PDB file of N, CA and C in Angstrom:
ATOM      1  N   MET A   1      -6.767  -5.576  28.898  1.00  0.00           N
ATOM      2  CA  MET A   1      -6.403  -4.959  27.708  1.00  0.00           C
ATOM      3  C   MET A   1      -7.790  -4.553  26.983  1.00  0.00           C
ATOM      4  N   GLU A   2      -7.369  -3.052  26.810  1.00  0.00           N
ATOM      5  CA  GLU A   2      -9.134  -2.817  25.703  1.00  0.00           C
ATOM      6  C   GLU A   2      -8.915  -3.127  24.049  1.00  0.00           C
ATOM      7  N   ILE A   3     -10.121  -3.448  24.066  1.00  0.00           N
ATOM      8  CA  ILE A   3      -9.917  -3.722  22.357  1.00  0.00           C
ATOM      9  C   ILE A   3     -10.261  -2.420  21.928  1.00  0.00           C
ATOM     10  N   THR A   4      -9.643  -1.709  20.922  1.00  0.00           N
ATOM     11  CA  THR A   4      -9.864  -0.595  20.483  1.00  0.00           C
ATOM     12  C   THR A   4     -10.010  -0.459  18.977  1.00  0.00           C
ATOM     13  N   LEU A   5     -10.603   0.795  18.052  1.00  0.00           N
ATOM     14  CA  LEU A   5     -10.549   0.490  17.063  1.00  0.00           C
ATOM     15  C   LEU A   5      -9.581  -0.097  15.946  1.00  0.00           C
ATOM     16  N   TYR A   6      -8.180   0.466  16.535  1.00  0.00           N
ATOM     17  CA  TYR A   6      -6.738  -0.180  15.533  1.00  0.00           C
ATOM     18  C   TYR A   6      -7.149  -1.791  15.756  1.00  0.00           C
ATOM     19  N   HIS A   7      -7.526  -2.309  16.638  1.00  0.00           N
ATOM     20  CA  HIS A   7      -7.733  -3.793  16.871  1.00  0.00           C
ATOM     21  C   HIS A   7      -8.654  -4.442  15.677  1.00  0.00           C
ATOM     22  N   TYR A   8      -9.808  -3.847  15.154  1.00  0.00           N
ATOM     23  CA  TYR A   8     -10.967  -3.797  14.670  1.00  0.00           C
ATOM     24  C   TYR A   8     -10.348  -3.682  13.014  1.00  0.00           C
ATOM     25  N   ILE A   9      -9.527  -2.766  13.295  1.00  0.00           N
ATOM     26  CA  ILE A   9      -8.787  -2.470  11.681  1.00  0.00           C
ATOM     27  C   ILE A   9      -8.056  -3.557  11.187  1.00  0.00           C
ATOM     28  N   ILE A  10      -7.390  -3.965  11.778  1.00  0.00           N
ATOM     29  CA  ILE A  10      -6.205  -4.969  11.735  1.00  0.00           C
ATOM     30  C   ILE A  10      -6.888  -6.250  11.723  1.00  0.00           C
ATOM     31  N   LEU A  11      -7.874  -6.398  12.316  1.00  0.00           N
ATOM     32  CA  LEU A  11      -8.746  -7.837  11.901  1.00  0.00           C
ATOM     33  C   LEU A  11      -9.514  -7.809  10.609  1.00  0.00           C
ATOM     34  N   ALA A  12      -9.664  -6.785  10.390  1.00  0.00           N
ATOM     35  CA  ALA A  12     -10.598  -6.648   8.776  1.00  0.00           C
ATOM     36  C   ALA A  12      -9.376  -6.458   7.936  1.00  0.00           C
ATOM     37  N   LEU A  13      -8.230  -5.824   8.165  1.00  0.00           N
ATOM     38  CA  LEU A  13      -7.310  -5.959   7.069  1.00  0.00           C
ATOM     39  C   LEU A  13      -6.942  -7.633   7.148  1.00  0.00           C
ATOM     40  N   ILE A  14      -6.593  -8.420   7.881  1.00  0.00           N
ATOM     41  CA  ILE A  14      -6.439  -9.742   7.667  1.00  0.00           C
ATOM     42  C   ILE A  14      -7.530 -10.347   6.803  1.00  0.00           C
ATOM     43  N   ILE A  15      -8.640 -10.192   7.461  1.00  0.00           N
ATOM     44  CA  ILE A  15      -9.917 -10.817   6.622  1.00  0.00           C
ATOM     45  C   ILE A  15      -9.537 -10.741   5.112  1.00  0.00           C
ATOM     46  N   PHE A  16      -9.405  -9.090   4.934  1.00  0.00           N
ATOM     47  CA  PHE A  16      -9.719  -8.846   3.482  1.00  0.00           C
ATOM     48  C   PHE A  16      -8.571  -9.405   2.760  1.00  0.00           C
ATOM     49  N   CYS A  17      -7.330  -9.277   3.247  1.00  0.00           N
ATOM     50  CA  CYS A  17      -6.139 -10.413   2.427  1.00  0.00           C
ATOM     51  C   CYS A  17      -6.488 -11.738   1.836  1.00  0.00           C
ATOM     52  N   ILE A  18      -7.095 -12.191   3.273  1.00  0.00           N
ATOM     53  CA  ILE A  18      -7.471 -13.960   3.198  1.00  0.00           C
ATOM     54  C   ILE A  18      -8.472 -13.442   2.051  1.00  0.00           C
ATOM     55  N   GLY A  19      -9.499 -12.991   1.590  1.00  0.00           N
ATOM     56  CA  GLY A  19     -10.358 -12.946   0.662  1.00  0.00           C
ATOM     57  C   GLY A  19      -9.895 -12.996  -0.751  1.00  0.00           C
ATOM     58  N   PHE A  20      -9.071 -11.479  -0.147  1.00  0.00           N
ATOM     59  CA  PHE A  20      -8.542 -11.514  -1.586  1.00  0.00           C
ATOM     60  C   PHE A  20      -7.683 -12.377  -2.165  1.00  0.00           C
ATOM     61  N   ALA A  21      -6.336 -12.821  -1.274  1.00  0.00           N
ATOM     62  CA  ALA A  21      -5.977 -14.119  -1.784  1.00  0.00           C
ATOM     63  C   ALA A  21      -6.448 -15.035  -2.414  1.00  0.00           C
ATOM     64  N   GLY A  22      -7.403 -15.711  -1.619  1.00  0.00           N
ATOM     65  CA  GLY A  22      -8.515 -16.445  -1.836  1.00  0.00           C
ATOM     66  C   GLY A  22      -9.199 -16.392  -3.715  1.00  0.00           C
ATOM     67  N   LEU A  23      -9.236 -14.881  -3.543  1.00  0.00           N
ATOM     68  CA  LEU A  23     -10.018 -14.830  -4.871  1.00  0.00           C
ATOM     69  C   LEU A  23      -9.435 -14.659  -6.225  1.00  0.00           C
ATOM     70  N   VAL A  24      -7.831 -14.503  -5.784  1.00  0.00           N
ATOM     71  CA  VAL A  24      -6.731 -14.203  -7.066  1.00  0.00           C
ATOM     72  C   VAL A  24      -6.136 -15.664  -7.344  1.00  0.00           C
ATOM     73  N   LEU A  25      -6.411 -16.666  -6.477  1.00  0.00           N
ATOM     74  CA  LEU A  25      -5.984 -17.638  -6.354  1.00  0.00           C
ATOM     75  C   LEU A  25      -6.731 -19.203  -6.596  1.00  0.00           C
ATOM     76  N   SER A  26      -8.011 -18.667  -6.841  1.00  0.00           N
ATOM     77  CA  SER A  26      -9.381 -19.818  -6.983  1.00  0.00           C
ATOM     78  C   SER A  26      -9.301 -19.795  -8.276  1.00  0.00           C
ATOM     79  N   ARG A  27      -9.780 -21.145  -8.753  1.00  0.00           N
ATOM     80  CA  ARG A  27     -10.060 -21.261  -9.790  1.00  0.00           C
ATOM     81  C   ARG A  27     -11.256 -21.763  -9.898  1.00  0.00           C
ATOM     82  N   ASN A  28     -11.964 -22.118  -8.829  1.00  0.00           N
ATOM     83  CA  ASN A  28     -13.333 -22.825  -8.782  1.00  0.00           C
ATOM     84  C   ASN A  28     -13.959 -21.180  -8.912  1.00  0.00           C
ATOM     85  N   MET A  29     -15.457 -21.126  -9.488  1.00  0.00           N
ATOM     86  CA  MET A  29     -15.981 -20.291  -9.460  1.00  0.00           C
ATOM     87  C   MET A  29     -16.893 -20.252  -8.124  1.00  0.00           C
ATOM     88  N   ILE A  30     -17.176 -21.179  -7.348  1.00  0.00           N
ATOM     89  CA  ILE A  30     -17.933 -20.814  -6.301  1.00  0.00           C
ATOM     90  C   ILE A  30     -17.105 -20.640  -5.197  1.00  0.00           C
ATOM     91  N   LYS A  31     -15.832 -21.102  -5.257  1.00  0.00           N
ATOM     92  CA  LYS A  31     -14.676 -20.163  -4.009  1.00  0.00           C
ATOM     93  C   LYS A  31     -14.527 -18.730  -4.337  1.00  0.00           C
ATOM     94  N   ALA A  32     -14.677 -18.571  -5.191  1.00  0.00           N
ATOM     95  CA  ALA A  32     -14.188 -17.001  -5.726  1.00  0.00           C
ATOM     96  C   ALA A  32     -15.302 -16.469  -5.400  1.00  0.00           C
ATOM     97  N   LEU A  33     -16.619 -16.308  -5.256  1.00  0.00           N
ATOM     98  CA  LEU A  33     -17.521 -16.199  -4.882  1.00  0.00           C
ATOM     99  C   LEU A  33     -17.599 -15.983  -3.649  1.00  0.00           C
ATOM    100  N   ILE A  34     -17.203 -17.090  -2.943  1.00  0.00           N
ATOM    101  CA  ILE A  34     -17.118 -17.086  -1.425  1.00  0.00           C
ATOM    102  C   ILE A  34     -16.244 -16.387  -0.676  1.00  0.00           C
ATOM    103  N   CYS A  35     -14.947 -16.052  -1.529  1.00  0.00           N
ATOM    104  CA  CYS A  35     -14.038 -15.047  -1.074  1.00  0.00           C
ATOM    105  C   CYS A  35     -14.657 -13.415  -1.747  1.00  0.00           C
ATOM    106  N   ILE A  36     -15.394 -13.175  -2.381  1.00  0.00           N
ATOM    107  CA  ILE A  36     -16.198 -11.946  -2.357  1.00  0.00           C
ATOM    108  C   ILE A  36     -16.988 -11.702  -1.769  1.00  0.00           C
ATOM    109  N   GLU A  37     -17.468 -13.057  -0.860  1.00  0.00           N
ATOM    110  CA  GLU A  37     -18.050 -12.635   0.373  1.00  0.00           C
ATOM    111  C   GLU A  37     -17.412 -12.371   1.801  1.00  0.00           C
ATOM    112  N   ILE A  38     -16.460 -12.553   1.729  1.00  0.00           N
ATOM    113  CA  ILE A  38     -15.322 -13.009   2.804  1.00  0.00           C
ATOM    114  C   ILE A  38     -14.630 -11.280   2.457  1.00  0.00           C
ATOM    115  N   ILE A  39     -14.219 -10.669   1.433  1.00  0.00           N
ATOM    116  CA  ILE A  39     -13.921  -9.330   1.179  1.00  0.00           C
ATOM    117  C   ILE A  39     -15.217  -8.327   1.964  1.00  0.00           C
ATOM    118  N   MET A  40     -16.701  -8.753   1.387  1.00  0.00           N
ATOM    119  CA  MET A  40     -17.635  -7.361   1.912  1.00  0.00           C
ATOM    120  C   MET A  40     -17.716  -7.810   3.333  1.00  0.00           C
ATOM    121  N   SER A  41     -17.694  -9.050   3.742  1.00  0.00           N
ATOM    122  CA  SER A  41     -17.499  -8.930   5.549  1.00  0.00           C
ATOM    123  C   SER A  41     -16.475  -8.287   5.922  1.00  0.00           C
ATOM    124  N   ALA A  42     -15.426  -8.476   5.344  1.00  0.00           N
ATOM    125  CA  ALA A  42     -14.607  -7.204   6.158  1.00  0.00           C
ATOM    126  C   ALA A  42     -14.782  -5.760   6.000  1.00  0.00           C
ATOM    127  N   ILE A  43     -15.526  -5.412   4.615  1.00  0.00           N
ATOM    128  CA  ILE A  43     -15.746  -4.138   4.728  1.00  0.00           C
ATOM    129  C   ILE A  43     -16.896  -3.649   5.697  1.00  0.00           C
ATOM    130  N   ASN A  44     -17.800  -4.573   6.060  1.00  0.00           N
ATOM    131  CA  ASN A  44     -18.871  -4.237   6.786  1.00  0.00           C
ATOM    132  C   ASN A  44     -18.161  -4.613   8.427  1.00  0.00           C
ATOM    133  N   LEU A  45     -17.097  -5.211   8.701  1.00  0.00           N
ATOM    134  CA  LEU A  45     -16.651  -5.027  10.181  1.00  0.00           C
ATOM    135  C   LEU A  45     -15.779  -3.277  10.059  1.00  0.00           C
ATOM    136  N   ASN A  46     -15.728  -3.013   9.298  1.00  0.00           N
ATOM    137  CA  ASN A  46     -14.750  -1.632   9.182  1.00  0.00           C
ATOM    138  C   ASN A  46     -15.713  -0.489   9.548  1.00  0.00           C
ATOM    139  N   PHE A  47     -16.840  -0.681   8.970  1.00  0.00           N
ATOM    140  CA  PHE A  47     -17.627   0.159   8.871  1.00  0.00           C
ATOM    141  C   PHE A  47     -18.622   0.001  10.257  1.00  0.00           C
ATOM    142  N   ILE A  48     -18.881  -0.713  10.691  1.00  0.00           N
ATOM    143  CA  ILE A  48     -19.634  -0.918  12.144  1.00  0.00           C
ATOM    144  C   ILE A  48     -18.685  -0.524  13.307  1.00  0.00           C
ATOM    145  N   ALA A  49     -17.232  -0.618  13.055  1.00  0.00           N
ATOM    146  CA  ALA A  49     -16.047  -0.727  13.713  1.00  0.00           C
ATOM    147  C   ALA A  49     -15.974   1.329  13.944  1.00  0.00           C
ATOM    148  N   PHE A  50     -15.968   1.661  12.853  1.00  0.00           N
ATOM    149  CA  PHE A  50     -15.875   3.181  13.072  1.00  0.00           C
ATOM    150  C   PHE A  50     -16.987   4.043  13.429  1.00  0.00           C
ATOM    151  N   THR A  51     -18.163   3.502  13.025  1.00  0.00           N
ATOM    152  CA  THR A  51     -19.613   3.671  13.545  1.00  0.00           C
ATOM    153  C   THR A  51     -19.616   3.879  15.166  1.00  0.00           C
ATOM    154  N   SER A  52     -19.233   2.540  15.613  1.00  0.00           N
ATOM    155  CA  SER A  52     -19.007   2.334  16.890  1.00  0.00           C
ATOM    156  C   SER A  52     -18.018   3.176  18.197  1.00  0.00           C
ATOM    157  N   PHE A  53     -17.018   3.419  16.875  1.00  0.00           N
ATOM    158  CA  PHE A  53     -15.979   4.025  17.953  1.00  0.00           C
ATOM    159  C   PHE A  53     -16.061   5.499  18.132  1.00  0.00           C
ATOM    160  N   LYS A  54     -16.049   6.035  16.317  1.00  0.00           N
ATOM    161  CA  LYS A  54     -16.530   7.323  15.968  1.00  0.00           C
ATOM    162  C   LYS A  54     -17.702   8.348  16.402  1.00  0.00           C
ATOM    163  N   ASN A  55     -18.582   7.770  16.058  1.00  0.00           N
ATOM    164  CA  ASN A  55     -19.700   8.371  16.300  1.00  0.00           C
ATOM    165  C   ASN A  55     -21.216   7.841  17.196  1.00  0.00           C
ATOM    166  N   TYR A  56     -21.086   8.157  18.208  1.00  0.00           N
ATOM    167  CA  TYR A  56     -22.352   7.523  18.326  1.00  0.00           C
ATOM    168  C   TYR A  56     -23.401   8.089  18.089  1.00  0.00           C
ATOM    169  N   ILE A  57     -23.650   9.075  17.805  1.00  0.00           N
ATOM    170  CA  ILE A  57     -25.305   9.402  17.712  1.00  0.00           C
ATOM    171  C   ILE A  57     -25.368   9.395  15.938  1.00  0.00           C
ATOM    172  N   PHE A  58     -25.011   9.532  15.149  1.00  0.00           N
ATOM    173  CA  PHE A  58     -25.246   9.123  13.703  1.00  0.00           C
ATOM    174  C   PHE A  58     -24.833   7.689  13.419  1.00  0.00           C
ATOM    175  N   LEU A  59     -25.653   7.183  12.845  1.00  0.00           N
ATOM    176  CA  LEU A  59     -25.693   5.348  12.146  1.00  0.00           C
ATOM    177  C   LEU A  59     -25.310   5.303  10.885  1.00  0.00           C
ATOM    178  N   ASN A  60     -24.643   6.025  10.313  1.00  0.00           N
ATOM    179  CA  ASN A  60     -24.374   5.856   8.842  1.00  0.00           C
ATOM    180  C   ASN A  60     -23.492   4.618   8.489  1.00  0.00           C
ATOM    181  N   GLY A  61     -23.046   3.937   9.379  1.00  0.00           N
ATOM    182  CA  GLY A  61     -21.746   2.787   9.085  1.00  0.00           C
ATOM    183  C   GLY A  61     -22.839   1.827   9.444  1.00  0.00           C
ATOM    184  N   MET A  62     -23.763   1.593   9.859  1.00  0.00           N
ATOM    185  CA  MET A  62     -24.717   0.848  10.326  1.00  0.00           C
ATOM    186  C   MET A  62     -25.579   0.498   8.928  1.00  0.00           C
ATOM    187  N   VAL A  63     -25.903   1.459   8.591  1.00  0.00           N
ATOM    188  CA  VAL A  63     -27.089   1.823   7.127  1.00  0.00           C
ATOM    189  C   VAL A  63     -26.478   1.018   6.208  1.00  0.00           C
ATOM    190  N   PHE A  64     -24.915   1.446   6.070  1.00  0.00           N
ATOM    191  CA  PHE A  64     -24.227   0.857   5.048  1.00  0.00           C
ATOM    192  C   PHE A  64     -23.681  -0.451   5.025  1.00  0.00           C
ATOM    193  N   ALA A  65     -23.572  -0.833   6.351  1.00  0.00           N
ATOM    194  CA  ALA A  65     -23.425  -2.197   6.603  1.00  0.00           C
ATOM    195  C   ALA A  65     -24.282  -3.109   6.174  1.00  0.00           C
ATOM    196  N   LEU A  66     -25.642  -2.524   6.353  1.00  0.00           N
ATOM    197  CA  LEU A  66     -26.848  -3.022   6.705  1.00  0.00           C
ATOM    198  C   LEU A  66     -27.214  -3.278   4.661  1.00  0.00           C
ATOM    199  N   PHE A  67     -27.019  -2.054   3.898  1.00  0.00           N
ATOM    200  CA  PHE A  67     -26.803  -2.314   2.466  1.00  0.00           C
ATOM    201  C   PHE A  67     -26.165  -3.330   1.560  1.00  0.00           C
ATOM    202  N   ILE A  68     -24.921  -2.968   2.462  1.00  0.00           N
ATOM    203  CA  ILE A  68     -23.670  -4.027   1.611  1.00  0.00           C
ATOM    204  C   ILE A  68     -24.175  -5.145   1.945  1.00  0.00           C
ATOM    205  N   THR A  69     -24.899  -5.759   3.357  1.00  0.00           N
ATOM    206  CA  THR A  69     -25.204  -7.201   3.403  1.00  0.00           C
ATOM    207  C   THR A  69     -26.442  -7.496   2.724  1.00  0.00           C
ATOM    208  N   ALA A  70     -27.555  -6.737   1.985  1.00  0.00           N
ATOM    209  CA  ALA A  70     -28.590  -6.980   1.063  1.00  0.00           C
ATOM    210  C   ALA A  70     -27.800  -7.041  -0.411  1.00  0.00           C
ATOM    211  N   VAL A  71     -26.751  -6.358  -0.510  1.00  0.00           N
ATOM    212  CA  VAL A  71     -26.516  -6.284  -1.916  1.00  0.00           C
ATOM    213  C   VAL A  71     -25.650  -7.642  -2.069  1.00  0.00           C
ATOM    214  N   SER A  72     -24.914  -7.939  -1.544  1.00  0.00           N
ATOM    215  CA  SER A  72     -23.932  -9.497  -1.133  1.00  0.00           C
ATOM    216  C   SER A  72     -24.857 -10.314  -1.020  1.00  0.00           C
ATOM    217  N   ALA A  73     -25.951 -10.513  -0.718  1.00  0.00           N
ATOM    218  CA  ALA A  73     -27.039 -11.645  -0.374  1.00  0.00           C
ATOM    219  C   ALA A  73     -27.713 -11.676  -1.783  1.00  0.00           C
ATOM    220  N   LEU A  74     -27.800 -10.518  -2.659  1.00  0.00           N
ATOM    221  CA  LEU A  74     -28.489 -10.529  -3.715  1.00  0.00           C
ATOM    222  C   LEU A  74     -27.420 -11.132  -4.960  1.00  0.00           C
ATOM    223  N   GLN A  75     -26.037 -10.558  -4.626  1.00  0.00           N
ATOM    224  CA  GLN A  75     -24.966 -10.945  -5.890  1.00  0.00           C
ATOM    225  C   GLN A  75     -24.881 -12.189  -5.392  1.00  0.00           C
ATOM    226  N   SER A  76     -24.973 -13.258  -4.419  1.00  0.00           N
ATOM    227  CA  SER A  76     -24.644 -14.168  -3.925  1.00  0.00           C
ATOM    228  C   SER A  76     -25.736 -15.171  -4.897  1.00  0.00           C
ATOM    229  N   ALA A  77     -26.858 -14.442  -4.817  1.00  0.00           N
ATOM    230  CA  ALA A  77     -27.995 -15.509  -5.521  1.00  0.00           C
ATOM    231  C   ALA A  77     -27.995 -15.168  -7.033  1.00  0.00           C
ATOM    232  N   ILE A  78     -27.477 -14.239  -7.515  1.00  0.00           N
ATOM    233  CA  ILE A  78     -27.564 -14.065  -8.698  1.00  0.00           C
ATOM    234  C   ILE A  78     -26.295 -14.974  -9.419  1.00  0.00           C
ATOM    235  N   GLY A  79     -25.158 -15.129  -8.645  1.00  0.00           N
ATOM    236  CA  GLY A  79     -24.161 -15.278  -8.834  1.00  0.00           C
ATOM    237  C   GLY A  79     -24.125 -17.388  -9.012  1.00  0.00           C
ATOM    238  N   LEU A  80     -24.724 -17.714  -8.032  1.00  0.00           N
ATOM    239  CA  LEU A  80     -25.171 -19.267  -7.534  1.00  0.00           C
ATOM    240  C   LEU A  80     -26.103 -19.620  -8.934  1.00  0.00           C
ATOM    241  N   VAL A  81     -27.133 -18.718  -9.231  1.00  0.00           N
ATOM    242  CA  VAL A  81     -27.725 -19.165 -10.603  1.00  0.00           C
ATOM    243  C   VAL A  81     -26.843 -19.217 -12.152  1.00  0.00           C
ATOM    244  N   LEU A  82     -25.743 -18.341 -12.087  1.00  0.00           N
ATOM    245  CA  LEU A  82     -25.302 -18.285 -13.537  1.00  0.00           C
ATOM    246  C   LEU A  82     -23.859 -19.519 -13.229  1.00  0.00           C
ATOM    247  N   ILE A  83     -23.767 -19.486 -12.189  1.00  0.00           N
ATOM    248  CA  ILE A  83     -23.046 -20.735 -12.230  1.00  0.00           C
ATOM    249  C   ILE A  83     -23.446 -22.192 -12.047  1.00  0.00           C
ATOM    250  N   TYR A  84     -24.679 -22.219 -11.721  1.00  0.00           N
ATOM    251  CA  TYR A  84     -25.732 -23.520 -11.862  1.00  0.00           C
ATOM    252  C   TYR A  84     -26.082 -23.720 -13.440  1.00  0.00           C
ATOM    253  N   LEU A  85     -26.270 -22.321 -14.227  1.00  0.00           N
ATOM    254  CA  LEU A  85     -26.604 -22.546 -15.734  1.00  0.00           C
ATOM    255  C   LEU A  85     -25.131 -23.107 -16.643  1.00  0.00           C
ATOM    256  N   ILE A  86     -24.387 -22.435 -15.960  1.00  0.00           N
ATOM    257  CA  ILE A  86     -22.908 -22.442 -16.632  1.00  0.00           C
ATOM    258  C   ILE A  86     -22.876 -24.033 -16.248  1.00  0.00           C
ATOM    259  N   TYR A  87     -22.838 -24.769 -15.170  1.00  0.00           N
ATOM    260  CA  TYR A  87     -22.443 -26.104 -15.125  1.00  0.00           C
ATOM    261  C   TYR A  87     -23.506 -27.179 -15.782  1.00  0.00           C
ATOM    262  N   LYS A  88     -24.485 -26.828 -15.542  1.00  0.00           N
ATOM    263  CA  LYS A  88     -25.556 -27.519 -16.813  1.00  0.00           C
ATOM    264  C   LYS A  88     -25.541 -27.543 -17.992  1.00  0.00           C
ATOM    265  N   ASN A  89     -24.908 -26.188 -18.681  1.00  0.00           N
ATOM    266  CA  ASN A  89     -24.804 -26.352 -19.898  1.00  0.00           C
ATOM    267  C   ASN A  89     -23.140 -26.635 -20.172  1.00  0.00           C
ATOM    268  N   LYS A  90     -22.154 -26.873 -19.276  1.00  0.00           N
ATOM    269  CA  LYS A  90     -21.222 -27.299 -19.722  1.00  0.00           C
ATOM    270  C   LYS A  90     -20.236 -28.329 -19.139  1.00  0.00           C
ATOM    271  N   GLU A  91     -20.825 -29.113 -18.017  1.00  0.00           N
ATOM    272  CA  GLU A  91     -20.649 -29.902 -16.580  1.00  0.00           C
ATOM    273  C   GLU A  91     -18.991 -29.736 -16.133  1.00  0.00           C
ATOM    274  N   ASN A  92     -19.090 -28.001 -15.829  1.00  0.00           N
ATOM    275  CA  ASN A  92     -17.673 -27.738 -15.641  1.00  0.00           C
ATOM    276  C   ASN A  92     -18.340 -26.589 -14.928  1.00  0.00           C
ATOM    277  N   ILE A  93     -17.397 -26.281 -13.817  1.00  0.00           N
ATOM    278  CA  ILE A  93     -17.137 -24.526 -13.521  1.00  0.00           C
ATOM    279  C   ILE A  93     -15.984 -24.206 -12.941  1.00  0.00           C
ATOM    280  N   THR A  94     -14.658 -24.419 -13.448  1.00  0.00           N
ATOM    281  CA  THR A  94     -13.744 -24.013 -13.554  1.00  0.00           C
ATOM    282  C   THR A  94     -13.541 -22.724 -14.171  1.00  0.00           C
ATOM    283  N   SER A  95     -13.079 -21.584 -13.802  1.00  0.00           N
ATOM    284  CA  SER A  95     -13.113 -20.684 -14.430  1.00  0.00           C
ATOM    285  C   SER A  95     -12.032 -20.710 -15.548  1.00  0.00           C
ATOM    286  N   GLU A  96     -10.803 -21.015 -15.496  1.00  0.00           N
ATOM    287  CA  GLU A  96     -10.155 -21.150 -16.515  1.00  0.00           C
ATOM    288  C   GLU A  96     -10.302 -21.799 -17.783  1.00  0.00           C
ATOM    289  N   GLU A  97     -11.291 -22.716 -17.632  1.00  0.00           N
ATOM    290  CA  GLU A  97     -11.527 -24.012 -19.177  1.00  0.00           C
ATOM    291  C   GLU A  97     -12.870 -23.126 -19.446  1.00  0.00           C
ATOM    292  N   ILE A  98     -13.563 -22.377 -19.308  1.00  0.00           N
ATOM    293  CA  ILE A  98     -15.029 -21.842 -19.715  1.00  0.00           C
ATOM    294  C   ILE A  98     -14.516 -20.261 -20.370  1.00  0.00           C
ATOM    295  N   GLU A  99     -14.042 -20.214 -21.563  1.00  0.00           N
ATOM    296  CA  GLU A  99     -14.204 -19.572 -22.607  1.00  0.00           C
ATOM    297  C   GLU A  99     -14.952 -18.626 -22.927  1.00  0.00           C
ATOM    298  N   GLU A 100     -16.515 -18.841 -23.097  1.00  0.00           N
ATOM    299  CA  GLU A 100     -17.298 -18.057 -23.876  1.00  0.00           C
ATOM    300  C   GLU A 100     -17.526 -16.950 -22.832  1.00  0.00           C
ATOM    301  N   LEU A 101     -16.984 -16.764 -21.474  1.00  0.00           N
ATOM    302  CA  LEU A 101     -16.906 -15.579 -20.815  1.00  0.00           C
ATOM    303  C   LEU A 101     -16.173 -14.579 -21.010  1.00  0.00           C
ATOM    304  N   LYS A 102     -15.239 -14.765 -22.061  1.00  0.00           N
ATOM    305  CA  LYS A 102     -14.558 -13.790 -22.418  1.00  0.00           C
ATOM    306  C   LYS A 102     -15.160 -13.081 -23.367  1.00  0.00           C
ATOM    307  N   GLY A 103     -14.600 -11.365 -23.146  1.00  0.00           N
ATOM    308  CA  GLY A 103     -15.203 -10.834 -24.325  1.00  0.00           C
ATOM    309  C   GLY A 103     -14.885 -10.606 -25.473  1.00  0.00           C
TER     310      GLY A 103
END
């Protein structure tokens, strides 16, 4: 059996749904940050799969995947710093109990 583009799309959809469900259901901010990273990985998988199967000459999907990876790493670093500062001040990182973040 040959692996086709549809297999990659279904795999990315499953990974995206797992990340989204974890993001909606998580109360801990670190778990939510990890779930956002899982969602970004599913998006990267789609970009790379479409570039590999549909467009052999132009590597636009690979460039977007590289850009998303860089932005995702930056987001994780800033998010972890913010979570550390909140924990340092409140001794708690549960997102439901932090009232200061509400607008």
